[in-house]
Protein backbone atom coordinates (compact mmCIF):
# COMPACT_ATOMS: atom_id res chain seq x y z
CA UNK A 1 0.00 0.00 0.00
CA UNK A 2 1.45 3.39 -0.95
CA UNK A 3 2.17 6.07 1.66
CA UNK A 4 -0.44 8.33 0.03
CA UNK A 5 -3.14 5.69 0.34
CA UNK A 6 -2.13 4.87 3.93
CA UNK A 7 -2.19 8.55 4.85
CA UNK A 8 -5.55 8.99 3.14
CA UNK A 9 -7.00 6.04 5.09
CA UNK A 10 -5.72 7.43 8.38
CA UNK A 11 -7.02 10.91 7.57
CA UNK A 12 -10.38 9.47 6.50
CA UNK A 13 -10.64 7.43 9.72
CA UNK A 14 -9.73 10.50 11.77
CA UNK A 15 -12.36 12.64 10.03
CA UNK A 16 -14.95 9.87 10.45
CA UNK A 17 -14.12 9.80 14.16
CA UNK A 18 -14.86 13.51 14.36
CA UNK A 19 -18.33 13.04 12.97
CA UNK A 20 -19.08 10.02 15.16
CA UNK A 21 -17.94 11.77 18.35
CA UNK A 22 -21.00 14.05 18.48
CA UNK A 23 -24.46 12.50 18.85
CA UNK A 24 -26.29 12.73 15.53
CA UNK A 25 -29.43 14.21 17.08
CA UNK A 26 -27.67 16.88 19.16
CA UNK A 27 -27.63 20.51 18.11
CA UNK A 28 -24.20 21.93 17.29
CA UNK A 29 -23.66 25.68 17.61
CA UNK A 30 -20.31 26.86 16.31
CA UNK A 31 -19.05 30.39 16.83
CA UNK A 32 -16.55 32.82 15.46
CA UNK A 33 -15.55 35.83 17.57
CA UNK A 34 -14.51 39.06 15.85
CA UNK A 35 -12.77 41.98 17.57
CA UNK A 36 -14.41 45.22 16.39
CA UNK A 37 -12.28 48.40 16.22
CA UNK A 38 -13.19 50.32 19.37
CA UNK A 39 -14.29 53.95 19.29
CA UNK A 40 -14.61 54.29 23.06
CA UNK A 41 -13.55 52.73 26.36
CA UNK A 42 -15.35 49.38 25.78
CA UNK A 43 -13.78 46.35 24.10
CA UNK A 44 -16.42 45.62 21.44
CA UNK A 45 -16.68 42.18 19.81
CA UNK A 46 -19.20 40.23 17.77
CA UNK A 47 -20.12 36.58 17.67
CA UNK A 48 -21.35 34.78 14.58
CA UNK A 49 -23.07 31.49 15.29
CA UNK A 50 -23.94 28.65 12.90
CA UNK A 51 -26.51 26.11 14.03
CA UNK A 52 -26.73 22.52 12.77
CA UNK A 53 -27.82 19.07 13.87
CA UNK A 54 -31.45 19.86 14.60
CA UNK A 55 -34.64 20.58 12.71
CA UNK A 56 -36.55 23.14 14.75
CA UNK A 57 -40.34 23.19 14.93
CA UNK A 58 -42.39 26.38 15.10
CA UNK A 59 -42.08 27.86 18.60
CA UNK A 60 -38.83 26.10 19.45
CA UNK A 61 -35.75 28.18 19.93
CA UNK A 62 -32.15 28.65 20.90
CA UNK A 63 -30.72 30.74 23.73
CA UNK A 64 -27.03 31.57 24.05
CA UNK A 65 -26.12 32.75 27.55
CA UNK A 66 -23.79 35.68 28.30
CA UNK A 67 -22.12 35.55 31.72
CA UNK A 68 -22.96 38.58 33.85
CA UNK A 69 -19.30 39.12 34.82
CA UNK A 70 -17.86 38.95 31.30
CA UNK A 71 -20.36 40.61 28.94
CA UNK A 72 -22.19 43.94 28.74
CA UNK A 73 -24.14 45.99 26.22
CA UNK A 74 -25.44 43.20 24.00
CA UNK A 75 -26.44 44.70 20.67
CA UNK A 76 -30.18 45.27 20.68
CA UNK A 77 -31.90 44.52 18.47
CA UNK A 78 -29.56 41.92 17.01
CA UNK A 79 -29.23 41.60 13.23
CA UNK A 80 -32.13 39.69 11.67
CA UNK A 81 -31.23 36.08 10.86
CA UNK A 82 -33.87 35.55 8.17
CA UNK A 83 -37.68 35.63 7.99
CA UNK A 84 -37.92 32.18 9.65
CA UNK A 85 -36.59 33.45 13.01
CA UNK A 86 -37.41 36.09 15.62
CA UNK A 87 -34.24 37.13 17.48
CA UNK A 88 -33.95 39.28 20.61
CA UNK A 89 -31.36 39.95 23.32
CA UNK A 90 -31.77 40.31 27.06
CA UNK A 91 -29.01 42.21 28.86
CA UNK A 92 -26.99 40.61 31.68
CA UNK A 93 -28.44 41.78 35.01
CA UNK A 94 -25.91 42.49 37.78
CA UNK A 95 -28.57 42.86 40.48
CA UNK A 96 -30.12 39.39 40.16
CA UNK A 97 -27.38 38.25 38.93
CA UNK A 98 -28.72 36.82 35.70
CA UNK A 99 -26.89 36.08 32.45
CA UNK A 100 -27.74 37.92 29.29
CA UNK A 101 -29.32 35.99 26.43
CA UNK A 102 -29.27 35.96 22.68
CA UNK A 103 -32.55 34.27 21.82
CA UNK A 104 -33.85 33.11 18.44
CA UNK A 105 -37.28 31.48 18.15
CA UNK A 106 -38.51 29.60 15.07
CA UNK A 107 -41.52 31.25 13.42
CA UNK A 108 -42.14 28.28 11.09
CA UNK A 109 -41.59 24.52 11.10
CA UNK A 110 -38.16 23.63 9.69
CA UNK A 111 -36.73 27.17 9.64
CA UNK A 112 -33.66 27.84 7.52
CA UNK A 113 -30.29 27.50 9.23
CA UNK A 114 -28.39 28.75 6.17
CA UNK A 115 -27.72 32.21 7.64
CA UNK A 116 -25.62 32.98 10.68
CA UNK A 117 -27.00 34.24 13.99
CA UNK A 118 -25.07 37.24 15.30
CA UNK A 119 -24.72 39.69 18.15
CA UNK A 120 -22.43 42.58 19.18
CA UNK A 121 -21.28 42.92 22.80
CA UNK A 122 -18.79 44.56 25.12
CA UNK A 123 -16.21 42.05 26.36
CA UNK A 124 -14.98 42.50 29.94
CA UNK A 125 -12.67 39.48 30.07
CA UNK A 126 -9.02 39.00 29.21
CA UNK A 127 -7.95 37.75 25.81
CA UNK A 128 -10.62 36.68 23.35
CA UNK A 129 -14.13 35.57 24.33
CA UNK A 130 -14.79 31.83 24.12
CA UNK A 131 -17.48 29.17 24.42
CA UNK A 132 -20.83 29.90 25.98
CA UNK A 133 -23.68 27.81 27.42
CA UNK A 134 -26.67 27.21 25.14
CA UNK A 135 -30.22 26.03 25.74
CA UNK A 136 -32.67 24.63 23.21
CA UNK A 137 -36.27 25.13 24.30
CA UNK A 138 -39.70 23.98 23.23
CA UNK A 139 -42.85 25.99 22.39
CA UNK A 140 -43.70 26.23 26.12
CA UNK A 141 -40.12 27.39 26.89
CA UNK A 142 -39.25 24.06 28.56
CA UNK A 143 -35.58 23.15 28.16
CA UNK A 144 -35.12 20.37 25.60
CA UNK A 145 -31.33 20.33 25.38
CA UNK A 146 -28.31 22.13 26.84
CA UNK A 147 -24.70 22.37 25.73
CA UNK A 148 -21.88 24.74 24.81
CA UNK A 149 -20.96 26.65 21.70
CA UNK A 150 -17.83 25.35 20.00
CA UNK A 151 -15.27 27.34 18.01
CA UNK A 152 -15.24 26.97 14.25
CA UNK A 153 -12.24 24.70 13.57
CA UNK A 154 -9.32 26.36 11.86
CA UNK A 155 -8.92 24.70 8.44
CA UNK A 156 -5.13 24.78 8.77
CA UNK A 157 -5.12 23.08 12.19
CA UNK A 158 -7.49 20.28 11.10
CA UNK A 159 -5.32 19.70 8.04
CA UNK A 160 -2.18 19.78 10.18
CA UNK A 161 -3.54 17.13 12.55
CA UNK A 162 -4.58 14.96 9.61
CA UNK A 163 -1.19 15.27 7.96
CA UNK A 164 0.54 14.55 11.27
CA UNK A 165 -1.47 11.36 11.72
CA UNK A 166 -0.68 10.34 8.15
CA UNK A 167 3.04 10.89 8.74
CA UNK A 168 2.86 8.83 11.94
CA UNK A 169 1.19 5.94 10.09
CA UNK A 170 3.82 6.08 7.35
CA UNK A 171 6.65 6.16 9.87
CA UNK A 172 5.27 3.11 11.69
CA UNK A 173 4.83 1.25 8.41
CA UNK A 174 8.40 2.04 7.32
CA UNK A 175 9.76 1.03 10.76
CA UNK A 176 8.01 -2.37 10.45
CA UNK A 177 9.70 -2.83 7.11
């Protein structure tokens, strides 16, 4: 077997493992964080979320939670996702304390997930903002599922891991003779 074929098999197995690792019926919310040039004293950022792994019914929705100690001034109203969704934000409340929320509720059965969900915010933490808790809720606002947002994988790092695994397989094969 050639080294290219061996590496391709290893990379294919690794990629298959990535897709098997997450339950097929679980929602996946990926995020990208963007640092916005600041015009004032606040460190302004935006999140762009992509949602997959679930077909929402009318009245179901998604909430992304914003920790009261790390986020302020959530952009209100948030940018419209598309006509299938109604999105709002609730500000973090220091007095309760209660996290802020980005909330998007499906207005139709099987709403489109082709567009990103987004929100601006002031970041109070160090470094770049990261993962956040999420809740999926039903038409009566009962929690159906909880989880965390996950960063969009860097194409270069996924490729690098795949190539590294391929090289390791080749090295082992050569060592065995």
